[in-house]
C-alpha atoms as a PDB file:
ATOM      1  CA  MET A   1      92.507 109.316 167.129  1.00  0.00           C
ATOM      2  CA  MET A   2      95.113 108.236 164.718  1.00  0.00           C
ATOM      3  CA  ASP A   3      98.744 107.500 165.704  1.00  0.00           C
ATOM      4  CA  TYR A   4     101.613 107.779 163.222  1.00  0.00           C
ATOM      5  CA  ARG A   5     105.347 107.516 163.035  1.00  0.00           C
ATOM      6  CA  SER A   6     107.923 108.309 160.429  1.00  0.00           C
ATOM      7  CA  LEU A   7     108.848 105.394 158.185  1.00  0.00           C
ATOM      8  CA  GLU A   8     112.151 106.756 156.922  1.00  0.00           C
ATOM      9  CA  GLU A   9     114.902 107.867 159.310  1.00  0.00           C
ATOM     10  CA  ALA A  10     117.404 110.407 158.016  1.00  0.00           C
ATOM     11  CA  LYS A  11     120.628 111.404 159.664  1.00  0.00           C
ATOM     12  CA  ALA A  12     120.295 114.331 161.967  1.00  0.00           C
ATOM     13  CA  THR A  13     122.183 117.431 160.804  1.00  0.00           C
ATOM     14  CA  ALA A  14     122.921 120.857 162.269  1.00  0.00           C
ATOM     15  CA  GLU A  15     123.785 124.036 160.374  1.00  0.00           C
ATOM     16  CA  SER A  16     124.716 127.529 161.588  1.00  0.00           C
ATOM     17  CA  LYS A  17     122.459 130.323 160.499  1.00  0.00           C
ATOM     18  CA  GLU A  18     124.267 132.704 158.118  1.00  0.00           C
ATOM     19  CA  SER A  19     123.080 135.822 160.060  1.00  0.00           C
ATOM     20  CA  LYS A  20     123.852 134.716 163.592  1.00  0.00           C
ATOM     21  CA  ASP A  21     126.797 132.544 164.714  1.00  0.00           C
ATOM     22  CA  GLU A  22     124.936 131.481 167.905  1.00  0.00           C
ATOM     23  CA  CYS A  23     121.888 130.077 166.003  1.00  0.00           C
ATOM     24  CA  ILE A  24     121.682 126.482 164.896  1.00  0.00           C
ATOM     25  CA  GLN A  25     119.121 124.990 162.543  1.00  0.00           C
ATOM     26  CA  LEU A  26     118.472 121.270 163.153  1.00  0.00           C
ATOM     27  CA  ASN A  27     117.162 118.754 160.708  1.00  0.00           C
ATOM     28  CA  VAL A  28     115.669 115.710 162.395  1.00  0.00           C
ATOM     29  CA  VAL A  29     113.407 114.530 159.552  1.00  0.00           C
ATOM     30  CA  GLY A  30     112.074 111.052 159.988  1.00  0.00           C
ATOM     31  CA  ARG A  31     112.575 110.925 163.782  1.00  0.00           C
ATOM     32  CA  ALA A  32     109.019 111.689 164.856  1.00  0.00           C
ATOM     33  CA  ARG A  33     105.825 109.993 166.031  1.00  0.00           C
ATOM     34  CA  GLY A  34     102.548 111.618 166.723  1.00  0.00           C
ATOM     35  CA  ARG A  35      98.809 111.533 167.256  1.00  0.00           C
ATOM     36  CA  VAL A  36      96.025 113.295 165.414  1.00  0.00           C
ATOM     37  CA  TRP A  37      92.584 113.902 166.918  1.00  0.00           C
ATOM     38  CA  ALA A  38      89.577 114.301 164.569  1.00  0.00           C
ATOM     39  CA  ASP A  39      86.012 115.281 165.257  1.00  0.00           C
ATOM     40  CA  PRO A  40      84.029 112.070 164.671  1.00  0.00           C
ATOM     41  CA  GLU A  41      81.103 113.947 163.098  1.00  0.00           C
ATOM     42  CA  THR A  42      82.936 116.388 160.753  1.00  0.00           C
ATOM     43  CA  ALA A  43      86.331 114.646 160.394  1.00  0.00           C
ATOM     44  CA  ALA A  44      87.911 118.064 161.106  1.00  0.00           C
ATOM     45  CA  ILE A  45      91.364 117.886 162.725  1.00  0.00           C
ATOM     46  CA  VAL A  46      91.094 119.270 166.253  1.00  0.00           C
ATOM     47  CA  ARG A  47      94.473 118.484 167.747  1.00  0.00           C
ATOM     48  CA  LEU A  48      97.888 117.265 166.589  1.00  0.00           C
ATOM     49  CA  GLU A  49     100.809 116.178 168.742  1.00  0.00           C
ATOM     50  CA  GLU A  50     104.278 115.235 167.583  1.00  0.00           C
ATOM     51  CA  HIS A  51     107.217 113.939 169.593  1.00  0.00           C
ATOM     52  CA  LEU A  52     110.849 113.014 168.854  1.00  0.00           C
ATOM     53  CA  ILE A  53     111.546 109.299 168.768  1.00  0.00           C
ATOM     54  CA  GLY A  54     114.581 108.911 171.070  1.00  0.00           C
ATOM     55  CA  MET A  55     117.447 111.160 171.659  1.00  0.00           C
ATOM     56  CA  VAL A  56     119.364 112.767 168.773  1.00  0.00           C
ATOM     57  CA  ASP A  57     123.161 113.452 168.856  1.00  0.00           C
ATOM     58  CA  PHE A  58     124.700 115.861 166.379  1.00  0.00           C
ATOM     59  CA  ARG A  59     127.900 117.684 165.811  1.00  0.00           C
ATOM     60  CA  VAL A  60     127.733 121.409 166.481  1.00  0.00           C
ATOM     61  CA  PRO A  61     128.839 123.537 163.466  1.00  0.00           C
ATOM     62  CA  ARG A  62     132.246 125.206 163.951  1.00  0.00           C
ATOM     63  CA  LYS A  63     130.806 128.729 164.007  1.00  0.00           C
ATOM     64  CA  ALA A  64     128.422 127.808 166.845  1.00  0.00           C
ATOM     65  CA  GLN A  65     131.156 125.943 168.777  1.00  0.00           C
ATOM     66  CA  ARG A  66     132.802 129.332 169.492  1.00  0.00           C
ATOM     67  CA  VAL A  67     129.638 130.466 171.230  1.00  0.00           C
ATOM     68  CA  SER A  68     128.527 127.324 173.036  1.00  0.00           C
ATOM     69  CA  GLY A  69     131.940 125.675 173.615  1.00  0.00           C
ATOM     70  CA  GLU A  70     130.313 122.339 172.738  1.00  0.00           C
ATOM     71  CA  MET A  71     131.483 120.065 169.893  1.00  0.00           C
ATOM     72  CA  TYR A  72     128.413 117.758 170.251  1.00  0.00           C
ATOM     73  CA  MET A  73     124.916 118.235 171.545  1.00  0.00           C
ATOM     74  CA  THR A  74     122.098 115.875 172.403  1.00  0.00           C
ATOM     75  CA  LEU A  75     118.463 116.726 171.855  1.00  0.00           C
ATOM     76  CA  ASP A  76     116.669 114.727 174.514  1.00  0.00           C
ATOM     77  CA  ARG A  77     113.017 115.712 173.714  1.00  0.00           C
ATOM     78  CA  SER A  78     111.194 117.813 171.090  1.00  0.00           C
ATOM     79  CA  ASP A  79     107.456 118.139 171.411  1.00  0.00           C
ATOM     80  CA  VAL A  80     104.800 120.077 169.464  1.00  0.00           C
ATOM     81  CA  ALA A  81     101.083 120.310 170.289  1.00  0.00           C
ATOM     82  CA  ILE A  82      98.669 122.201 168.130  1.00  0.00           C
ATOM     83  CA  ARG A  83      95.064 122.738 169.091  1.00  0.00           C
ATOM     84  CA  TYR A  84      92.651 123.822 166.363  1.00  0.00           C
ATOM     85  CA  ARG A  85      89.297 125.549 166.603  1.00  0.00           C
ATOM     86  CA  PRO A  86      86.637 126.515 164.152  1.00  0.00           C
ATOM     87  CA  VAL A  87      86.759 130.176 163.065  1.00  0.00           C
ATOM     88  CA  ALA A  88      83.755 131.681 161.221  1.00  0.00           C
ATOM     89  CA  PHE A  89      84.161 134.312 158.480  1.00  0.00           C
ATOM     90  CA  SER A  90      81.540 136.206 156.535  1.00  0.00           C
ATOM     91  CA  GLU A  91      81.326 137.579 153.001  1.00  0.00           C
ATOM     92  CA  PRO A  92      81.649 134.870 151.882  1.00  0.00           C
ATOM     93  CA  ASP A  93      80.365 132.794 154.828  1.00  0.00           C
ATOM     94  CA  GLU A  94      82.882 130.109 155.653  1.00  0.00           C
ATOM     95  CA  THR A  95      84.154 128.334 158.734  1.00  0.00           C
ATOM     96  CA  ILE A  96      87.754 127.137 158.734  1.00  0.00           C
ATOM     97  CA  MET A  97      89.765 125.130 161.346  1.00  0.00           C
ATOM     98  CA  LEU A  98      92.693 127.350 162.444  1.00  0.00           C
ATOM     99  CA  PRO A  99      95.272 127.050 165.233  1.00  0.00           C
ATOM    100  CA  ALA A 100      94.099 128.248 168.567  1.00  0.00           C
ATOM    101  CA  GLU A 101      97.280 127.321 170.472  1.00  0.00           C
ATOM    102  CA  ILE A 102     100.693 125.928 169.660  1.00  0.00           C
ATOM    103  CA  ILE A 103     102.977 124.662 172.417  1.00  0.00           C
ATOM    104  CA  THR A 104     106.573 123.767 171.453  1.00  0.00           C
ATOM    105  CA  SER A 105     109.248 122.447 173.827  1.00  0.00           C
ATOM    106  CA  TRP A 106     112.813 121.223 173.613  1.00  0.00           C
ATOM    107  CA  MET A 107     114.976 119.508 176.272  1.00  0.00           C
ATOM    108  CA  TRP A 108     118.726 119.284 175.830  1.00  0.00           C
ATOM    109  CA  ARG A 109     121.125 116.887 177.474  1.00  0.00           C
ATOM    110  CA  THR A 110     123.969 119.381 177.351  1.00  0.00           C
ATOM    111  CA  PRO A 111     125.499 121.498 180.101  1.00  0.00           C
ATOM    112  CA  ALA A 112     125.307 124.738 178.145  1.00  0.00           C
ATOM    113  CA  PHE A 113     121.569 124.461 177.407  1.00  0.00           C
ATOM    114  CA  SER A 114     118.643 123.052 179.385  1.00  0.00           C
ATOM    115  CA  GLY A 115     115.220 123.474 177.787  1.00  0.00           C
ATOM    116  CA  THR A 116     112.764 125.820 176.132  1.00  0.00           C
ATOM    117  CA  ARG A 117     108.935 125.981 176.149  1.00  0.00           C
ATOM    118  CA  ILE A 118     107.050 128.335 173.862  1.00  0.00           C
ATOM    119  CA  THR A 119     103.278 128.827 173.966  1.00  0.00           C
ATOM    120  CA  GLN A 120     101.601 130.693 171.169  1.00  0.00           C
ATOM    121  CA  SER A 121      97.877 131.627 171.403  1.00  0.00           C
ATOM    122  CA  PHE A 122      95.957 132.811 168.414  1.00  0.00           C
ATOM    123  CA  SER A 123      92.680 134.762 168.373  1.00  0.00           C
ATOM    124  CA  ASN A 124      90.848 137.512 166.618  1.00  0.00           C
ATOM    125  CA  TYR A 125      91.502 136.096 163.188  1.00  0.00           C
ATOM    126  CA  ARG A 126      90.696 138.370 160.265  1.00  0.00           C
ATOM    127  CA  ARG A 127      90.321 137.442 156.609  1.00  0.00           C
ATOM    128  CA  PHE A 128      91.159 139.872 153.813  1.00  0.00           C
ATOM    129  CA  VAL A 129      89.527 139.290 150.444  1.00  0.00           C
ATOM    130  CA  THR A 130      90.856 141.101 147.481  1.00  0.00           C
ATOM    131  CA  ALA A 131      90.884 140.986 143.725  1.00  0.00           C
ATOM    132  CA  GLY A 132      93.662 140.856 141.164  1.00  0.00           C
ATOM    133  CA  ARG A 133      94.272 140.911 137.481  1.00  0.00           C
ATOM    134  CA  ILE A 134      96.935 139.642 135.137  1.00  0.00           C
ATOM    135  CA  ILE A 135      98.442 142.174 132.859  1.00  0.00           C
ATOM    136  CA  ARG A 136     100.093 140.796 129.753  1.00  0.00           C
END
């Protein structure tokens, strides 16, 4: 296992998505810590977890304020866990570590929102090999 944390802390920002007034895109760069698990024999990464370091307050963009009624929001928790597994391909023979499952969760300290948990499972990977040429 290897633990890590961000060395540089940036100011948290929020922006409204152009296509939807109710969607907000957060930038919390530099506010994470995590752990990476590696197979001791192959050094392949088998799991990664990342967590928000402390709560983050940010001003809600004006467009989104009309929907939520909130001027400020607090992101209490943000967690991501990715589990990898070896996937074998043939022609050419190759084994690659690919995501088997990603679990993402957010917890808000705001009356209008509570929390979200998303679990994504991946299986039945296919590889497509093709050729190309450059025309001048």
